[in-house]
Amino acid sequence: MNNSVHASPEQNAYADILFYGCWTGLVIMLVTYLLYVSSAIAPHVPLEQMPLYWSQPVAHYLAGAGVPTGWGWTSLLGRGDFLNFLGIVLLAGLSIICYLRVIPALFRKGDKLIGCIALAEVLVLLIAASGLAGGGAH
């Protein structure tokens, strides 16, 4: 009796992107963190000022440190403390990247229902990340 299970090429492609994307995101997070704590790239909020905000409500931190809300943080990517977000964004967006790689293959294979579900998943994730849904998730 042969009970071996084989993953489809689409599953392998998804897994490969997820594997390498996770490691890339972790390396980016490590490198940007080291750049931040070593002061190689100047932070927006100096490291020694951070304890002033730890016990404060987030609104106080945002106002006091002049930090924009929503996707406004992207304007501060040249600063050491916001450069750290690149790895986090990569990790958070990996599902979208994986789906985008797999969707064309699903349609070529004739798996239209699964392709449409994957496409809908990408759209939902993009709408959620954009803030258009009004949930304030970012």
N, C-alpha and C. Protein backbone atom coordinates (compact mmCIF):
# COMPACT_ATOMS: atom_id res chain seq x y z
N MET A 1 0.84 -1.17 0.00
CA MET A 1 0.00 0.00 0.00
C MET A 1 0.89 1.24 0.00
N ASN A 2 0.67 2.12 -0.98
CA ASN A 2 1.45 3.34 -1.11
C ASN A 2 0.61 4.53 -0.65
N ASN A 3 0.97 5.07 0.50
CA ASN A 3 0.23 6.19 1.07
C ASN A 3 0.98 7.50 0.94
N SER A 4 1.88 7.61 -0.03
CA SER A 4 2.65 8.84 -0.16
C SER A 4 1.76 9.97 -0.69
N VAL A 5 2.00 11.15 -0.19
CA VAL A 5 1.26 12.33 -0.60
C VAL A 5 2.25 13.27 -1.26
N HIS A 6 1.86 13.79 -2.40
CA HIS A 6 2.73 14.71 -3.12
C HIS A 6 2.07 16.07 -3.19
N ALA A 7 2.85 17.09 -2.95
CA ALA A 7 2.35 18.46 -3.06
C ALA A 7 2.29 18.85 -4.53
N SER A 8 1.33 19.68 -4.85
CA SER A 8 1.20 20.16 -6.23
C SER A 8 2.30 21.20 -6.49
N PRO A 9 2.58 21.48 -7.76
CA PRO A 9 3.57 22.52 -8.06
C PRO A 9 3.18 23.88 -7.46
N GLU A 10 1.88 24.16 -7.42
CA GLU A 10 1.43 25.42 -6.83
C GLU A 10 1.72 25.47 -5.33
N GLN A 11 1.50 24.35 -4.65
CA GLN A 11 1.79 24.29 -3.21
C GLN A 11 3.28 24.44 -2.97
N ASN A 12 4.09 23.82 -3.81
CA ASN A 12 5.54 23.95 -3.67
C ASN A 12 6.00 25.39 -3.92
N ALA A 13 5.42 26.05 -4.93
CA ALA A 13 5.79 27.43 -5.21
C ALA A 13 5.42 28.33 -4.03
N TYR A 14 4.22 28.14 -3.48
CA TYR A 14 3.77 28.91 -2.32
C TYR A 14 4.73 28.69 -1.15
N ALA A 15 5.05 27.43 -0.89
CA ALA A 15 5.93 27.09 0.24
C ALA A 15 7.33 27.66 0.05
N ASP A 16 7.85 27.61 -1.17
CA ASP A 16 9.19 28.15 -1.43
C ASP A 16 9.24 29.65 -1.17
N ILE A 17 8.25 30.37 -1.67
CA ILE A 17 8.22 31.82 -1.45
C ILE A 17 8.07 32.11 0.04
N LEU A 18 7.23 31.37 0.71
CA LEU A 18 7.03 31.56 2.15
C LEU A 18 8.32 31.29 2.92
N PHE A 19 9.00 30.21 2.58
CA PHE A 19 10.25 29.85 3.27
C PHE A 19 11.30 30.94 3.09
N TYR A 20 11.59 31.27 1.83
CA TYR A 20 12.64 32.26 1.58
C TYR A 20 12.22 33.66 2.00
N GLY A 21 10.94 33.97 1.88
CA GLY A 21 10.45 35.26 2.32
C GLY A 21 10.56 35.45 3.82
N CYS A 22 10.26 34.40 4.58
CA CYS A 22 10.39 34.48 6.04
C CYS A 22 11.83 34.72 6.46
N TRP A 23 12.74 33.97 5.87
CA TRP A 23 14.15 34.15 6.21
C TRP A 23 14.65 35.53 5.78
N THR A 24 14.22 35.99 4.61
CA THR A 24 14.62 37.32 4.15
C THR A 24 14.08 38.38 5.09
N GLY A 25 12.81 38.27 5.49
CA GLY A 25 12.22 39.23 6.42
C GLY A 25 12.95 39.25 7.75
N LEU A 26 13.30 38.08 8.26
CA LEU A 26 14.02 38.02 9.54
C LEU A 26 15.41 38.63 9.43
N VAL A 27 16.09 38.39 8.33
CA VAL A 27 17.43 38.99 8.13
C VAL A 27 17.30 40.51 8.03
N ILE A 28 16.31 40.98 7.27
CA ILE A 28 16.09 42.42 7.16
C ILE A 28 15.81 43.02 8.53
N MET A 29 14.98 42.35 9.32
CA MET A 29 14.69 42.86 10.66
C MET A 29 15.94 42.91 11.53
N LEU A 30 16.78 41.89 11.45
CA LEU A 30 18.01 41.87 12.24
C LEU A 30 18.95 42.99 11.81
N VAL A 31 19.17 43.12 10.52
CA VAL A 31 20.10 44.14 10.01
C VAL A 31 19.59 45.54 10.34
N THR A 32 18.30 45.80 10.09
CA THR A 32 17.79 47.15 10.36
C THR A 32 17.75 47.45 11.87
N TYR A 33 17.54 46.43 12.68
CA TYR A 33 17.61 46.64 14.13
C TYR A 33 19.03 47.01 14.56
N LEU A 34 20.00 46.30 14.01
CA LEU A 34 21.40 46.62 14.34
C LEU A 34 21.78 48.02 13.88
N LEU A 35 21.28 48.42 12.71
CA LEU A 35 21.52 49.79 12.24
C LEU A 35 20.89 50.80 13.18
N TYR A 36 19.73 50.46 13.71
CA TYR A 36 19.03 51.35 14.64
C TYR A 36 19.76 51.48 15.96
N VAL A 37 20.06 50.37 16.61
CA VAL A 37 20.67 50.44 17.95
C VAL A 37 22.12 50.91 17.91
N SER A 38 22.77 50.76 16.76
CA SER A 38 24.15 51.24 16.66
C SER A 38 24.20 52.71 16.27
N SER A 39 23.05 53.29 15.98
CA SER A 39 22.93 54.68 15.53
C SER A 39 23.64 54.92 14.20
N ALA A 40 23.84 53.87 13.42
CA ALA A 40 24.43 54.02 12.08
C ALA A 40 23.51 54.86 11.19
N ILE A 41 22.21 54.73 11.42
CA ILE A 41 21.22 55.57 10.74
C ILE A 41 20.43 56.27 11.83
N ALA A 42 20.40 57.58 11.79
CA ALA A 42 19.75 58.35 12.84
C ALA A 42 18.27 58.02 12.93
N PRO A 43 17.76 57.81 14.15
CA PRO A 43 16.33 57.52 14.32
C PRO A 43 15.49 58.80 14.30
N HIS A 44 14.23 58.64 14.07
CA HIS A 44 13.30 59.77 14.16
C HIS A 44 13.13 60.17 15.63
N VAL A 45 12.95 59.17 16.48
CA VAL A 45 12.86 59.39 17.92
C VAL A 45 14.12 58.81 18.53
N PRO A 46 14.98 59.64 19.11
CA PRO A 46 16.22 59.13 19.69
C PRO A 46 15.96 58.02 20.72
N LEU A 47 16.82 57.01 20.71
CA LEU A 47 16.67 55.85 21.57
C LEU A 47 16.54 56.23 23.04
N GLU A 48 17.29 57.24 23.47
CA GLU A 48 17.24 57.64 24.88
C GLU A 48 15.92 58.32 25.24
N GLN A 49 15.14 58.78 24.26
CA GLN A 49 13.84 59.40 24.54
C GLN A 49 12.70 58.38 24.59
N MET A 50 12.93 57.18 24.11
CA MET A 50 11.87 56.17 24.06
C MET A 50 11.26 55.86 25.43
N PRO A 51 12.06 55.77 26.51
CA PRO A 51 11.44 55.49 27.82
C PRO A 51 10.41 56.54 28.25
N LEU A 52 10.51 57.76 27.72
CA LEU A 52 9.54 58.80 28.05
C LEU A 52 8.14 58.45 27.54
N TYR A 53 8.10 57.66 26.48
CA TYR A 53 6.82 57.33 25.85
C TYR A 53 6.27 55.97 26.24
N TRP A 54 7.05 55.11 26.87
CA TRP A 54 6.64 53.74 27.16
C TRP A 54 5.36 53.64 27.98
N SER A 55 5.19 54.51 28.94
CA SER A 55 4.02 54.42 29.82
C SER A 55 2.88 55.34 29.36
N GLN A 56 3.08 56.01 28.25
CA GLN A 56 2.08 56.95 27.75
C GLN A 56 1.13 56.28 26.76
N PRO A 57 -0.07 56.84 26.61
CA PRO A 57 -0.97 56.35 25.57
C PRO A 57 -0.35 56.60 24.19
N VAL A 58 -0.73 55.79 23.23
CA VAL A 58 -0.15 55.89 21.90
C VAL A 58 -0.37 57.28 21.29
N ALA A 59 -1.50 57.89 21.57
CA ALA A 59 -1.78 59.23 21.03
C ALA A 59 -0.73 60.23 21.51
N HIS A 60 -0.30 60.09 22.76
CA HIS A 60 0.73 60.98 23.32
C HIS A 60 2.06 60.76 22.59
N TYR A 61 2.39 59.52 22.36
CA TYR A 61 3.63 59.21 21.62
C TYR A 61 3.56 59.79 20.21
N LEU A 62 2.46 59.56 19.51
CA LEU A 62 2.34 60.04 18.13
C LEU A 62 2.47 61.55 18.06
N ALA A 63 1.79 62.25 18.96
CA ALA A 63 1.84 63.72 18.97
C ALA A 63 3.20 64.23 19.43
N GLY A 64 3.70 63.68 20.52
CA GLY A 64 4.96 64.15 21.09
C GLY A 64 6.16 63.89 20.21
N ALA A 65 6.14 62.76 19.51
CA ALA A 65 7.28 62.40 18.67
C ALA A 65 7.09 62.82 17.21
N GLY A 66 5.91 63.35 16.89
CA GLY A 66 5.66 63.77 15.52
C GLY A 66 5.61 62.61 14.54
N VAL A 67 4.99 61.53 14.96
CA VAL A 67 4.91 60.33 14.13
C VAL A 67 3.56 60.32 13.41
N PRO A 68 3.59 60.19 12.07
CA PRO A 68 2.33 60.15 11.33
C PRO A 68 1.60 58.83 11.53
N THR A 69 0.30 58.85 11.30
CA THR A 69 -0.51 57.64 11.43
C THR A 69 -0.72 57.01 10.06
N GLY A 70 -1.35 55.85 10.06
CA GLY A 70 -1.62 55.15 8.80
C GLY A 70 -0.32 54.80 8.08
N TRP A 71 -0.34 54.96 6.77
CA TRP A 71 0.84 54.66 5.97
C TRP A 71 1.83 55.82 5.95
N GLY A 72 1.60 56.84 6.78
CA GLY A 72 2.51 57.98 6.86
C GLY A 72 3.91 57.60 7.31
N TRP A 73 4.03 56.47 7.99
CA TRP A 73 5.35 56.01 8.43
C TRP A 73 6.31 55.81 7.26
N THR A 74 5.77 55.59 6.06
CA THR A 74 6.65 55.35 4.91
C THR A 74 7.49 56.59 4.59
N SER A 75 7.02 57.76 4.98
CA SER A 75 7.81 58.98 4.75
C SER A 75 9.03 59.04 5.65
N LEU A 76 9.07 58.17 6.67
CA LEU A 76 10.18 58.16 7.62
C LEU A 76 11.11 56.95 7.44
N LEU A 77 11.04 56.30 6.29
CA LEU A 77 11.85 55.10 6.07
C LEU A 77 13.36 55.37 6.08
N GLY A 78 13.74 56.60 5.90
CA GLY A 78 15.16 56.94 5.97
C GLY A 78 15.68 57.07 7.39
N ARG A 79 14.83 56.89 8.36
CA ARG A 79 15.22 56.99 9.77
C ARG A 79 15.37 55.59 10.34
N GLY A 80 16.33 55.41 11.23
CA GLY A 80 16.66 54.09 11.76
C GLY A 80 15.52 53.37 12.44
N ASP A 81 14.68 54.10 13.19
CA ASP A 81 13.60 53.44 13.91
C ASP A 81 12.45 53.03 12.99
N PHE A 82 12.31 53.64 11.85
CA PHE A 82 11.24 53.26 10.92
C PHE A 82 11.74 52.32 9.83
N LEU A 83 13.03 52.29 9.63
CA LEU A 83 13.61 51.35 8.67
C LEU A 83 13.33 49.91 9.12
N ASN A 84 13.20 49.71 10.43
CA ASN A 84 12.87 48.39 10.98
C ASN A 84 11.57 47.83 10.43
N PHE A 85 10.67 48.70 10.01
CA PHE A 85 9.36 48.26 9.54
C PHE A 85 9.44 47.48 8.23
N LEU A 86 10.51 47.63 7.46
CA LEU A 86 10.60 46.95 6.17
C LEU A 86 10.47 45.43 6.31
N GLY A 87 11.19 44.85 7.25
CA GLY A 87 11.12 43.41 7.47
C GLY A 87 9.74 42.97 7.92
N ILE A 88 9.12 43.78 8.76
CA ILE A 88 7.78 43.47 9.25
C ILE A 88 6.77 43.52 8.11
N VAL A 89 6.90 44.53 7.26
CA VAL A 89 5.99 44.65 6.11
C VAL A 89 6.16 43.47 5.17
N LEU A 90 7.41 43.05 4.95
CA LEU A 90 7.64 41.88 4.09
C LEU A 90 6.95 40.65 4.69
N LEU A 91 7.16 40.42 5.97
CA LEU A 91 6.53 39.26 6.61
C LEU A 91 5.01 39.34 6.55
N ALA A 92 4.48 40.53 6.78
CA ALA A 92 3.03 40.69 6.77
C ALA A 92 2.44 40.52 5.37
N GLY A 93 3.22 40.85 4.36
CA GLY A 93 2.72 40.77 2.99
C GLY A 93 3.05 39.49 2.26
N LEU A 94 3.70 38.56 2.92
CA LEU A 94 4.10 37.32 2.25
C LEU A 94 2.94 36.52 1.68
N SER A 95 1.82 36.50 2.37
CA SER A 95 0.66 35.76 1.84
C SER A 95 0.23 36.34 0.50
N ILE A 96 0.23 37.65 0.39
CA ILE A 96 -0.15 38.29 -0.87
C ILE A 96 0.84 37.90 -1.97
N ILE A 97 2.13 37.97 -1.66
CA ILE A 97 3.16 37.62 -2.64
C ILE A 97 3.01 36.17 -3.08
N CYS A 98 2.78 35.29 -2.13
CA CYS A 98 2.61 33.86 -2.45
C CYS A 98 1.40 33.64 -3.35
N TYR A 99 0.28 34.26 -2.99
CA TYR A 99 -0.93 34.10 -3.80
C TYR A 99 -0.73 34.64 -5.20
N LEU A 100 -0.07 35.80 -5.31
CA LEU A 100 0.15 36.38 -6.63
C LEU A 100 0.99 35.47 -7.53
N ARG A 101 1.88 34.72 -6.92
CA ARG A 101 2.69 33.76 -7.68
C ARG A 101 1.87 32.56 -8.12
N VAL A 102 0.92 32.14 -7.31
CA VAL A 102 0.17 30.91 -7.55
C VAL A 102 -1.08 31.13 -8.41
N ILE A 103 -1.69 32.30 -8.33
CA ILE A 103 -2.96 32.54 -9.02
C ILE A 103 -2.89 32.25 -10.53
N PRO A 104 -1.89 32.77 -11.26
CA PRO A 104 -1.85 32.47 -12.70
C PRO A 104 -1.75 30.96 -12.98
N ALA A 105 -0.99 30.25 -12.17
CA ALA A 105 -0.85 28.80 -12.37
C ALA A 105 -2.18 28.09 -12.13
N LEU A 106 -2.95 28.56 -11.17
CA LEU A 106 -4.25 27.94 -10.90
C LEU A 106 -5.19 28.11 -12.10
N PHE A 107 -5.21 29.30 -12.67
CA PHE A 107 -6.07 29.53 -13.83
C PHE A 107 -5.58 28.75 -15.06
N ARG A 108 -4.26 28.69 -15.26
CA ARG A 108 -3.72 27.90 -16.38
C ARG A 108 -4.09 26.42 -16.24
N LYS A 109 -4.11 25.96 -15.02
CA LYS A 109 -4.42 24.56 -14.73
C LYS A 109 -5.92 24.28 -14.86
N GLY A 110 -6.72 25.33 -14.96
CA GLY A 110 -8.17 25.16 -15.06
C GLY A 110 -8.87 25.12 -13.72
N ASP A 111 -8.16 25.43 -12.66
CA ASP A 111 -8.71 25.43 -11.30
C ASP A 111 -9.29 26.82 -11.01
N LYS A 112 -10.36 27.16 -11.75
CA LYS A 112 -10.90 28.52 -11.71
C LYS A 112 -11.50 28.91 -10.36
N LEU A 113 -12.17 27.99 -9.70
CA LEU A 113 -12.79 28.31 -8.42
C LEU A 113 -11.72 28.65 -7.38
N ILE A 114 -10.71 27.81 -7.28
CA ILE A 114 -9.62 28.07 -6.32
C ILE A 114 -8.87 29.34 -6.71
N GLY A 115 -8.68 29.56 -8.01
CA GLY A 115 -8.03 30.78 -8.47
C GLY A 115 -8.82 32.02 -8.08
N CYS A 116 -10.14 31.96 -8.22
CA CYS A 116 -10.99 33.09 -7.83
C CYS A 116 -10.96 33.32 -6.32
N ILE A 117 -10.94 32.24 -5.56
CA ILE A 117 -10.86 32.37 -4.10
C ILE A 117 -9.52 33.01 -3.70
N ALA A 118 -8.45 32.56 -4.34
CA ALA A 118 -7.12 33.14 -4.04
C ALA A 118 -7.08 34.61 -4.44
N LEU A 119 -7.66 34.95 -5.57
CA LEU A 119 -7.72 36.34 -6.01
C LEU A 119 -8.53 37.18 -5.03
N ALA A 120 -9.65 36.64 -4.56
CA ALA A 120 -10.46 37.35 -3.57
C ALA A 120 -9.68 37.55 -2.28
N GLU A 121 -8.90 36.55 -1.89
CA GLU A 121 -8.07 36.66 -0.69
C GLU A 121 -7.07 37.81 -0.83
N VAL A 122 -6.43 37.92 -1.98
CA VAL A 122 -5.49 39.01 -2.23
C VAL A 122 -6.20 40.35 -2.13
N LEU A 123 -7.37 40.46 -2.74
CA LEU A 123 -8.12 41.72 -2.69
C LEU A 123 -8.51 42.09 -1.27
N VAL A 124 -8.97 41.12 -0.50
CA VAL A 124 -9.35 41.39 0.90
C VAL A 124 -8.13 41.85 1.70
N LEU A 125 -7.01 41.18 1.52
CA LEU A 125 -5.79 41.56 2.25
C LEU A 125 -5.31 42.95 1.85
N LEU A 126 -5.37 43.27 0.56
CA LEU A 126 -4.95 44.60 0.10
C LEU A 126 -5.88 45.70 0.62
N ILE A 127 -7.18 45.43 0.61
CA ILE A 127 -8.13 46.42 1.14
C ILE A 127 -7.90 46.62 2.63
N ALA A 128 -7.69 45.54 3.36
CA ALA A 128 -7.45 45.64 4.80
C ALA A 128 -6.17 46.42 5.08
N ALA A 129 -5.11 46.14 4.34
CA ALA A 129 -3.83 46.81 4.56
C ALA A 129 -3.90 48.28 4.16
N SER A 130 -4.72 48.61 3.19
CA SER A 130 -4.81 49.99 2.72
C SER A 130 -5.49 50.91 3.72
N GLY A 131 -6.31 50.35 4.58
CA GLY A 131 -7.07 51.16 5.52
C GLY A 131 -8.42 51.59 4.96
N LEU A 132 -8.73 51.19 3.73
CA LEU A 132 -10.01 51.56 3.11
C LEU A 132 -11.20 50.97 3.84
N ALA A 133 -11.00 49.87 4.53
CA ALA A 133 -12.10 49.22 5.25
C ALA A 133 -12.45 49.97 6.53
N GLY A 134 -11.58 50.89 6.94
CA GLY A 134 -11.86 51.72 8.12
C GLY A 134 -11.66 51.03 9.44
N GLY A 135 -10.98 49.89 9.45
CA GLY A 135 -10.77 49.16 10.69
C GLY A 135 -9.61 49.68 11.51
N GLY A 136 -8.77 50.52 10.94
CA GLY A 136 -7.63 51.04 11.67
C GLY A 136 -6.59 50.00 12.00
N ALA A 137 -6.49 48.95 11.17
CA ALA A 137 -5.57 47.87 11.46
C ALA A 137 -4.12 48.25 11.26
N HIS A 138 -3.87 49.36 10.67
CA HIS A 138 -2.48 49.77 10.47
C HIS A 138 -2.28 51.09 11.15
